[in-house]
Each structure stands twice: as C-alpha cells, then as structure tokens.
Amino acid sequence: MIDRQRPPLKLYVVRHCETEWSLSGQHTGRTDIPLTAYGEDQARALVERLGHIEFSHVLTSPRQRARRTCELAGLGATAETESDLSEWDYGDYEGQLTADIRKRRPGWNVFRDGCPGGEMSRITLPDGLLIAEFDGLPSSASRLP
C-alpha cells in the first residue's frame, strides 16, 4: 500500500551510455560489452547533470556498461547492483539488427513477439515489482531540488 503521508518518490532513470552495439543498432541484452570511448565521455558528462542531486539509493544493472556509466557519472560509490535491472534476454536475436530479424520474421515486435531462446516482454510484471520495491524505500524527495 502506498503511504499517502510521505512525499512522492522521485525516480531518475539513466540508461547506459554508448557501446559498439548501441551505436550500430544491434540488440544488446545479456552480452556484457563495454562502453566506447565516446560512451565514457557521455557518462562523465552526467556528473554535471546529476552531481547536485543527493540520491538516497542508486541501483545499477550488473552489466559492465551500466556499472561503468554509473561509476563515471559519479554515482558508483553508493551504487548497489540490482539483478532485476538486467537487460532483456534477446536469445537468438542477441547482436542482430531489427531489420535483419524482420527479413526472417516480418512485422516482428520485441514487446509483442518476444525472442526465441530469450524472453517475452518483462515490461509490466518485473518493472511493476521493482516499482513496488522502490515504494518501500525511504523518500528523499524533500532533499531533491
């Protein structure tokens, strides 16, 4: 149950910065690839945008691209790895381009169709569970600008 007496939760979501596969458009889920040099520069630039915020909790995916983004953004010292933030399992489609997948499977949509050898959409259930978990965290809204 949501505590209506508490200030509302402020949730900031930061996606990992550029990798070779995000640059090329390849689906990246379980493959643990690093940031590019430009991705590391992007992450360092987040310090200016996020450095003034006093976060009560910082959670990161276990993937190195997410952990490195968090670290370079100045949030690594307090970050906790959260396995529920692991990226999508693209299964047989890991590393492939959407256009190439649609040549074999016209109209394919990851959220509707899922991935053979991978998973179906996790958007509603796990994210809802994770949000319910966030609701149990102490609110730091009064300290946020």
N, C-alpha and C. Protein backbone atom coordinates (compact mmCIF):
# COMPACT_ATOMS: atom_id res chain seq x y z
N MET A 1 0.85 -1.18 0.00
CA MET A 1 0.00 0.00 0.00
C MET A 1 0.89 1.24 0.00
N ILE A 2 0.50 2.22 -0.75
CA ILE A 2 1.26 3.47 -0.85
C ILE A 2 0.95 4.36 0.33
N ASP A 3 1.98 4.85 0.96
CA ASP A 3 1.85 5.75 2.11
C ASP A 3 1.59 7.16 1.57
N ARG A 4 0.38 7.66 1.72
CA ARG A 4 0.00 8.97 1.18
C ARG A 4 0.58 10.12 2.01
N GLN A 5 1.11 9.84 3.20
CA GLN A 5 1.68 10.87 4.05
C GLN A 5 3.11 11.22 3.64
N ARG A 6 3.75 10.32 2.94
CA ARG A 6 5.13 10.52 2.51
C ARG A 6 5.18 11.35 1.24
N PRO A 7 6.22 12.16 1.08
CA PRO A 7 6.35 12.87 -0.20
C PRO A 7 6.50 11.86 -1.33
N PRO A 8 6.08 12.21 -2.54
CA PRO A 8 6.16 11.27 -3.65
C PRO A 8 7.62 10.92 -3.97
N LEU A 9 7.80 9.72 -4.43
CA LEU A 9 9.12 9.23 -4.82
C LEU A 9 9.56 9.92 -6.11
N LYS A 10 10.79 10.39 -6.13
CA LYS A 10 11.38 10.90 -7.36
C LYS A 10 12.33 9.83 -7.85
N LEU A 11 12.09 9.37 -9.06
CA LEU A 11 12.87 8.29 -9.63
C LEU A 11 13.59 8.80 -10.87
N TYR A 12 14.89 8.68 -10.89
CA TYR A 12 15.69 9.07 -12.04
C TYR A 12 16.17 7.78 -12.71
N VAL A 13 15.98 7.68 -14.00
CA VAL A 13 16.43 6.51 -14.75
C VAL A 13 17.48 6.98 -15.75
N VAL A 14 18.65 6.39 -15.68
CA VAL A 14 19.74 6.72 -16.59
C VAL A 14 20.10 5.45 -17.33
N ARG A 15 20.01 5.51 -18.64
CA ARG A 15 20.40 4.36 -19.46
C ARG A 15 21.91 4.38 -19.62
N HIS A 16 22.49 3.20 -19.80
CA HIS A 16 23.93 3.16 -20.05
C HIS A 16 24.26 3.98 -21.29
N CYS A 17 25.47 4.44 -21.36
CA CYS A 17 25.90 5.26 -22.48
C CYS A 17 26.34 4.37 -23.65
N GLU A 18 26.89 4.99 -24.67
CA GLU A 18 27.14 4.31 -25.94
C GLU A 18 28.07 3.10 -25.83
N THR A 19 27.67 2.03 -26.52
CA THR A 19 28.50 0.85 -26.73
C THR A 19 28.61 0.65 -28.24
N GLU A 20 29.47 -0.24 -28.66
CA GLU A 20 29.58 -0.52 -30.11
C GLU A 20 28.24 -1.01 -30.66
N TRP A 21 27.53 -1.82 -29.88
CA TRP A 21 26.26 -2.35 -30.37
C TRP A 21 25.14 -1.33 -30.33
N SER A 22 25.10 -0.45 -29.34
CA SER A 22 24.05 0.58 -29.35
C SER A 22 24.30 1.55 -30.50
N LEU A 23 25.56 1.75 -30.84
CA LEU A 23 25.92 2.61 -31.97
C LEU A 23 25.47 2.00 -33.29
N SER A 24 25.63 0.70 -33.43
CA SER A 24 25.28 0.03 -34.68
C SER A 24 23.80 -0.36 -34.75
N GLY A 25 23.12 -0.32 -33.61
CA GLY A 25 21.70 -0.69 -33.59
C GLY A 25 21.47 -2.17 -33.30
N GLN A 26 22.51 -2.89 -32.91
CA GLN A 26 22.35 -4.31 -32.59
C GLN A 26 21.67 -4.46 -31.24
N HIS A 27 20.79 -5.45 -31.15
CA HIS A 27 20.11 -5.72 -29.88
C HIS A 27 21.12 -6.24 -28.87
N THR A 28 21.18 -5.57 -27.74
CA THR A 28 22.14 -5.91 -26.69
C THR A 28 21.39 -6.21 -25.41
N GLY A 29 21.51 -7.42 -24.95
CA GLY A 29 20.89 -7.79 -23.70
C GLY A 29 21.92 -8.38 -22.76
N ARG A 30 22.10 -9.68 -22.84
CA ARG A 30 22.98 -10.39 -21.91
C ARG A 30 24.46 -10.28 -22.26
N THR A 31 24.78 -9.92 -23.51
CA THR A 31 26.18 -9.79 -23.88
C THR A 31 26.78 -8.62 -23.11
N ASP A 32 27.84 -8.88 -22.40
CA ASP A 32 28.40 -7.88 -21.49
C ASP A 32 29.53 -7.11 -22.18
N ILE A 33 29.15 -6.10 -22.95
CA ILE A 33 30.14 -5.33 -23.71
C ILE A 33 30.38 -3.98 -23.04
N PRO A 34 31.59 -3.45 -23.21
CA PRO A 34 31.94 -2.19 -22.55
C PRO A 34 31.42 -0.97 -23.30
N LEU A 35 31.53 0.16 -22.64
CA LEU A 35 31.25 1.45 -23.28
C LEU A 35 32.35 1.74 -24.30
N THR A 36 31.99 2.51 -25.32
CA THR A 36 33.01 3.04 -26.22
C THR A 36 33.70 4.21 -25.51
N ALA A 37 34.76 4.73 -26.11
CA ALA A 37 35.42 5.91 -25.54
C ALA A 37 34.44 7.08 -25.48
N TYR A 38 33.62 7.22 -26.54
CA TYR A 38 32.62 8.29 -26.54
C TYR A 38 31.57 8.02 -25.46
N GLY A 39 31.19 6.77 -25.26
CA GLY A 39 30.25 6.41 -24.19
C GLY A 39 30.79 6.79 -22.82
N GLU A 40 32.10 6.60 -22.63
CA GLU A 40 32.70 7.01 -21.35
C GLU A 40 32.66 8.53 -21.20
N ASP A 41 32.89 9.25 -22.29
CA ASP A 41 32.77 10.72 -22.24
C ASP A 41 31.34 11.13 -21.91
N GLN A 42 30.36 10.46 -22.52
CA GLN A 42 28.95 10.75 -22.23
C GLN A 42 28.66 10.55 -20.74
N ALA A 43 29.19 9.46 -20.19
CA ALA A 43 28.94 9.16 -18.77
C ALA A 43 29.58 10.22 -17.88
N ARG A 44 30.78 10.64 -18.20
CA ARG A 44 31.43 11.70 -17.40
C ARG A 44 30.64 12.99 -17.45
N ALA A 45 30.00 13.26 -18.58
CA ALA A 45 29.20 14.48 -18.72
C ALA A 45 27.97 14.46 -17.80
N LEU A 46 27.57 13.29 -17.37
CA LEU A 46 26.41 13.19 -16.46
C LEU A 46 26.70 13.77 -15.09
N VAL A 47 27.96 13.86 -14.72
CA VAL A 47 28.32 14.42 -13.41
C VAL A 47 27.73 15.82 -13.27
N GLU A 48 27.84 16.61 -14.33
CA GLU A 48 27.31 17.98 -14.29
C GLU A 48 25.79 17.98 -14.13
N ARG A 49 25.11 17.02 -14.74
CA ARG A 49 23.64 16.97 -14.69
C ARG A 49 23.12 16.36 -13.40
N LEU A 50 23.88 15.43 -12.82
CA LEU A 50 23.39 14.68 -11.66
C LEU A 50 24.11 15.01 -10.36
N GLY A 51 25.25 15.67 -10.46
CA GLY A 51 26.10 15.88 -9.29
C GLY A 51 25.47 16.65 -8.16
N HIS A 52 24.49 17.48 -8.43
CA HIS A 52 23.86 18.29 -7.38
C HIS A 52 22.74 17.55 -6.65
N ILE A 53 22.39 16.35 -7.12
CA ILE A 53 21.28 15.60 -6.53
C ILE A 53 21.81 14.67 -5.44
N GLU A 54 21.16 14.70 -4.30
CA GLU A 54 21.52 13.79 -3.21
C GLU A 54 20.59 12.57 -3.29
N PHE A 55 21.08 11.50 -3.86
CA PHE A 55 20.28 10.30 -4.03
C PHE A 55 20.27 9.48 -2.74
N SER A 56 19.11 8.96 -2.39
CA SER A 56 19.03 8.09 -1.23
C SER A 56 19.42 6.66 -1.61
N HIS A 57 19.19 6.28 -2.86
CA HIS A 57 19.54 4.96 -3.36
C HIS A 57 19.98 5.08 -4.82
N VAL A 58 21.00 4.31 -5.17
CA VAL A 58 21.45 4.21 -6.56
C VAL A 58 21.52 2.73 -6.88
N LEU A 59 20.77 2.32 -7.89
CA LEU A 59 20.75 0.93 -8.32
C LEU A 59 21.27 0.84 -9.74
N THR A 60 21.99 -0.23 -10.03
CA THR A 60 22.52 -0.42 -11.37
C THR A 60 22.37 -1.86 -11.81
N SER A 61 22.24 -2.04 -13.09
CA SER A 61 22.26 -3.37 -13.69
C SER A 61 23.62 -4.00 -13.44
N PRO A 62 23.70 -5.31 -13.44
CA PRO A 62 25.00 -5.95 -13.29
C PRO A 62 25.89 -5.87 -14.54
N ARG A 63 25.39 -5.42 -15.65
CA ARG A 63 26.19 -5.35 -16.88
C ARG A 63 27.25 -4.26 -16.75
N GLN A 64 28.44 -4.54 -17.28
CA GLN A 64 29.55 -3.60 -17.14
C GLN A 64 29.25 -2.24 -17.77
N ARG A 65 28.47 -2.20 -18.83
CA ARG A 65 28.15 -0.91 -19.46
C ARG A 65 27.34 -0.03 -18.51
N ALA A 66 26.45 -0.64 -17.74
CA ALA A 66 25.64 0.12 -16.78
C ALA A 66 26.47 0.51 -15.56
N ARG A 67 27.24 -0.44 -15.05
CA ARG A 67 28.07 -0.15 -13.87
C ARG A 67 29.11 0.93 -14.18
N ARG A 68 29.69 0.88 -15.37
CA ARG A 68 30.70 1.88 -15.75
C ARG A 68 30.05 3.25 -15.95
N THR A 69 28.88 3.29 -16.56
CA THR A 69 28.16 4.56 -16.69
C THR A 69 27.91 5.15 -15.32
N CYS A 70 27.45 4.34 -14.40
CA CYS A 70 27.17 4.77 -13.03
C CYS A 70 28.44 5.31 -12.36
N GLU A 71 29.52 4.57 -12.50
CA GLU A 71 30.80 4.97 -11.90
C GLU A 71 31.30 6.30 -12.46
N LEU A 72 31.31 6.44 -13.78
CA LEU A 72 31.82 7.66 -14.41
C LEU A 72 30.90 8.86 -14.18
N ALA A 73 29.62 8.58 -13.91
CA ALA A 73 28.67 9.65 -13.61
C ALA A 73 28.79 10.12 -12.17
N GLY A 74 29.71 9.51 -11.42
CA GLY A 74 29.95 9.92 -10.04
C GLY A 74 29.05 9.25 -9.03
N LEU A 75 28.38 8.18 -9.43
CA LEU A 75 27.42 7.53 -8.54
C LEU A 75 27.86 6.13 -8.10
N GLY A 76 29.02 5.71 -8.54
CA GLY A 76 29.46 4.34 -8.30
C GLY A 76 29.72 4.00 -6.85
N ALA A 77 30.13 4.96 -6.05
CA ALA A 77 30.49 4.67 -4.66
C ALA A 77 29.30 4.19 -3.83
N THR A 78 28.11 4.65 -4.18
CA THR A 78 26.92 4.27 -3.41
C THR A 78 26.01 3.30 -4.16
N ALA A 79 26.40 2.92 -5.37
CA ALA A 79 25.55 2.08 -6.20
C ALA A 79 25.46 0.65 -5.69
N GLU A 80 24.27 0.10 -5.80
CA GLU A 80 24.02 -1.31 -5.49
C GLU A 80 23.62 -2.00 -6.79
N THR A 81 24.16 -3.17 -7.03
CA THR A 81 23.79 -3.94 -8.21
C THR A 81 22.45 -4.60 -7.96
N GLU A 82 21.54 -4.43 -8.90
CA GLU A 82 20.18 -4.98 -8.79
C GLU A 82 19.94 -5.90 -9.99
N SER A 83 19.86 -7.19 -9.75
CA SER A 83 19.71 -8.15 -10.85
C SER A 83 18.41 -7.95 -11.62
N ASP A 84 17.36 -7.42 -10.98
CA ASP A 84 16.11 -7.16 -11.69
C ASP A 84 16.24 -6.06 -12.73
N LEU A 85 17.36 -5.35 -12.73
CA LEU A 85 17.60 -4.34 -13.75
C LEU A 85 18.42 -4.90 -14.92
N SER A 86 18.66 -6.20 -14.91
CA SER A 86 19.38 -6.83 -16.02
C SER A 86 18.63 -6.58 -17.32
N GLU A 87 19.39 -6.39 -18.36
CA GLU A 87 18.78 -6.11 -19.65
C GLU A 87 18.03 -7.32 -20.19
N TRP A 88 17.22 -7.04 -21.14
CA TRP A 88 16.38 -8.01 -21.84
C TRP A 88 17.23 -9.16 -22.37
N ASP A 89 16.69 -10.37 -22.35
CA ASP A 89 17.36 -11.53 -22.94
C ASP A 89 16.83 -11.69 -24.36
N TYR A 90 17.64 -11.30 -25.34
CA TYR A 90 17.24 -11.37 -26.75
C TYR A 90 17.40 -12.77 -27.33
N GLY A 91 17.95 -13.70 -26.58
CA GLY A 91 18.06 -15.08 -27.06
C GLY A 91 18.75 -15.15 -28.42
N ASP A 92 18.07 -15.79 -29.39
CA ASP A 92 18.63 -15.97 -30.74
C ASP A 92 18.80 -14.64 -31.47
N TYR A 93 18.15 -13.58 -31.00
CA TYR A 93 18.24 -12.28 -31.66
C TYR A 93 19.33 -11.38 -31.08
N GLU A 94 20.04 -11.87 -30.07
CA GLU A 94 21.13 -11.10 -29.46
C GLU A 94 22.16 -10.73 -30.53
N GLY A 95 22.50 -9.45 -30.58
CA GLY A 95 23.51 -8.97 -31.52
C GLY A 95 23.01 -8.71 -32.92
N GLN A 96 21.73 -8.94 -33.17
CA GLN A 96 21.17 -8.74 -34.50
C GLN A 96 20.47 -7.39 -34.61
N LEU A 97 20.31 -6.94 -35.85
CA LEU A 97 19.58 -5.71 -36.13
C LEU A 97 18.10 -6.03 -36.34
N THR A 98 17.23 -5.11 -35.95
CA THR A 98 15.80 -5.30 -36.14
C THR A 98 15.48 -5.57 -37.61
N ALA A 99 16.10 -4.83 -38.52
CA ALA A 99 15.84 -5.02 -39.96
C ALA A 99 16.17 -6.44 -40.41
N ASP A 100 17.24 -7.01 -39.89
CA ASP A 100 17.62 -8.37 -40.26
C ASP A 100 16.64 -9.39 -39.69
N ILE A 101 16.18 -9.15 -38.47
CA ILE A 101 15.19 -10.04 -37.86
C ILE A 101 13.90 -10.01 -38.67
N ARG A 102 13.49 -8.82 -39.08
CA ARG A 102 12.22 -8.68 -39.83
C ARG A 102 12.30 -9.26 -41.23
N LYS A 103 13.48 -9.46 -41.78
CA LYS A 103 13.60 -10.16 -43.07
C LYS A 103 13.14 -11.61 -42.90
N ARG A 104 13.41 -12.19 -41.76
CA ARG A 104 13.02 -13.57 -41.48
C ARG A 104 11.65 -13.66 -40.82
N ARG A 105 11.29 -12.59 -40.12
CA ARG A 105 10.03 -12.58 -39.37
C ARG A 105 9.36 -11.21 -39.55
N PRO A 106 8.69 -11.00 -40.69
CA PRO A 106 8.08 -9.69 -40.99
C PRO A 106 7.15 -9.22 -39.87
N GLY A 107 7.26 -7.94 -39.56
CA GLY A 107 6.40 -7.33 -38.56
C GLY A 107 6.81 -7.61 -37.12
N TRP A 108 7.95 -8.26 -36.94
CA TRP A 108 8.39 -8.61 -35.58
C TRP A 108 8.44 -7.38 -34.69
N ASN A 109 7.95 -7.55 -33.46
CA ASN A 109 7.99 -6.51 -32.44
C ASN A 109 8.41 -7.18 -31.14
N VAL A 110 9.52 -6.73 -30.58
CA VAL A 110 10.06 -7.38 -29.39
C VAL A 110 9.07 -7.42 -28.24
N PHE A 111 8.27 -6.39 -28.07
CA PHE A 111 7.34 -6.33 -26.94
C PHE A 111 6.13 -7.24 -27.14
N ARG A 112 5.75 -7.43 -28.36
CA ARG A 112 4.60 -8.29 -28.65
C ARG A 112 5.02 -9.74 -28.87
N ASP A 113 6.15 -9.94 -29.56
CA ASP A 113 6.53 -11.27 -30.03
C ASP A 113 7.63 -11.95 -29.22
N GLY A 114 8.37 -11.19 -28.43
CA GLY A 114 9.45 -11.79 -27.67
C GLY A 114 10.58 -12.26 -28.57
N CYS A 115 11.41 -13.13 -28.03
CA CYS A 115 12.61 -13.58 -28.74
C CYS A 115 12.78 -15.08 -28.55
N PRO A 116 12.95 -15.83 -29.65
CA PRO A 116 13.17 -17.27 -29.49
C PRO A 116 14.47 -17.52 -28.73
N GLY A 117 14.41 -18.39 -27.76
CA GLY A 117 15.58 -18.67 -26.94
C GLY A 117 15.83 -17.58 -25.90
N GLY A 118 14.99 -16.56 -25.89
CA GLY A 118 15.12 -15.45 -24.95
C GLY A 118 13.88 -15.34 -24.11
N GLU A 119 13.29 -14.17 -24.11
CA GLU A 119 12.12 -13.98 -23.24
C GLU A 119 11.05 -13.15 -23.91
N MET A 120 9.87 -13.23 -23.32
CA MET A 120 8.75 -12.40 -23.71
C MET A 120 8.87 -11.09 -22.93
N SER A 121 7.98 -10.17 -23.21
CA SER A 121 8.02 -8.86 -22.57
C SER A 121 8.04 -8.98 -21.06
N ARG A 122 8.98 -8.25 -20.45
CA ARG A 122 9.07 -8.18 -18.99
C ARG A 122 8.61 -6.82 -18.50
N ILE A 123 8.07 -6.03 -19.37
CA ILE A 123 7.79 -4.64 -19.03
C ILE A 123 6.81 -4.50 -17.87
N THR A 124 5.70 -5.23 -17.90
CA THR A 124 4.69 -4.99 -16.89
C THR A 124 5.01 -5.64 -15.55
N LEU A 125 5.28 -6.92 -15.52
CA LEU A 125 5.43 -7.59 -14.24
C LEU A 125 6.70 -7.22 -13.49
N PRO A 126 7.91 -7.50 -14.00
CA PRO A 126 9.09 -7.18 -13.19
C PRO A 126 9.24 -5.70 -12.89
N ASP A 127 8.96 -4.83 -13.87
CA ASP A 127 9.10 -3.41 -13.58
C ASP A 127 8.09 -2.98 -12.52
N GLY A 128 6.89 -3.54 -12.58
CA GLY A 128 5.90 -3.25 -11.56
C GLY A 128 6.35 -3.72 -10.19
N LEU A 129 6.99 -4.89 -10.16
CA LEU A 129 7.51 -5.39 -8.89
C LEU A 129 8.63 -4.51 -8.39
N LEU A 130 9.50 -4.09 -9.30
CA LEU A 130 10.61 -3.23 -8.90
C LEU A 130 10.09 -1.89 -8.40
N ILE A 131 9.08 -1.34 -9.06
CA ILE A 131 8.49 -0.08 -8.61
C ILE A 131 7.87 -0.27 -7.23
N ALA A 132 7.22 -1.41 -7.01
CA ALA A 132 6.67 -1.68 -5.68
C ALA A 132 7.79 -1.74 -4.65
N GLU A 133 8.93 -2.29 -5.04
CA GLU A 133 10.08 -2.32 -4.14
C GLU A 133 10.57 -0.90 -3.86
N PHE A 134 10.61 -0.04 -4.90
CA PHE A 134 11.02 1.34 -4.71
C PHE A 134 10.09 2.05 -3.75
N ASP A 135 8.81 1.71 -3.79
CA ASP A 135 7.85 2.37 -2.92
C ASP A 135 8.18 2.13 -1.46
N GLY A 136 8.88 1.03 -1.17
CA GLY A 136 9.26 0.74 0.21
C GLY A 136 10.52 1.46 0.65
N LEU A 137 11.21 2.14 -0.27
CA LEU A 137 12.43 2.87 0.09
C LEU A 137 12.08 4.18 0.78
N PRO A 138 12.92 4.63 1.68
CA PRO A 138 12.67 5.93 2.31
C PRO A 138 12.70 7.02 1.24
N SER A 139 11.80 7.95 1.34
CA SER A 139 11.73 9.03 0.35
C SER A 139 12.79 10.08 0.64
N SER A 140 13.43 10.55 -0.41
CA SER A 140 14.39 11.62 -0.27
C SER A 140 13.90 12.87 -1.01
N ALA A 141 12.62 12.88 -1.32
CA ALA A 141 12.07 13.96 -2.13
C ALA A 141 12.29 15.33 -1.49
N SER A 142 12.30 15.39 -0.18
CA SER A 142 12.46 16.69 0.46
C SER A 142 13.87 17.25 0.24
N ARG A 143 14.84 16.40 -0.12
CA ARG A 143 16.21 16.88 -0.33
C ARG A 143 16.50 17.15 -1.81
N LEU A 144 15.56 16.80 -2.67
CA LEU A 144 15.81 16.98 -4.10
C LEU A 144 15.39 18.37 -4.54
N PRO A 145 16.13 18.93 -5.51
CA PRO A 145 15.76 20.28 -5.98
C PRO A 145 14.45 20.27 -6.72
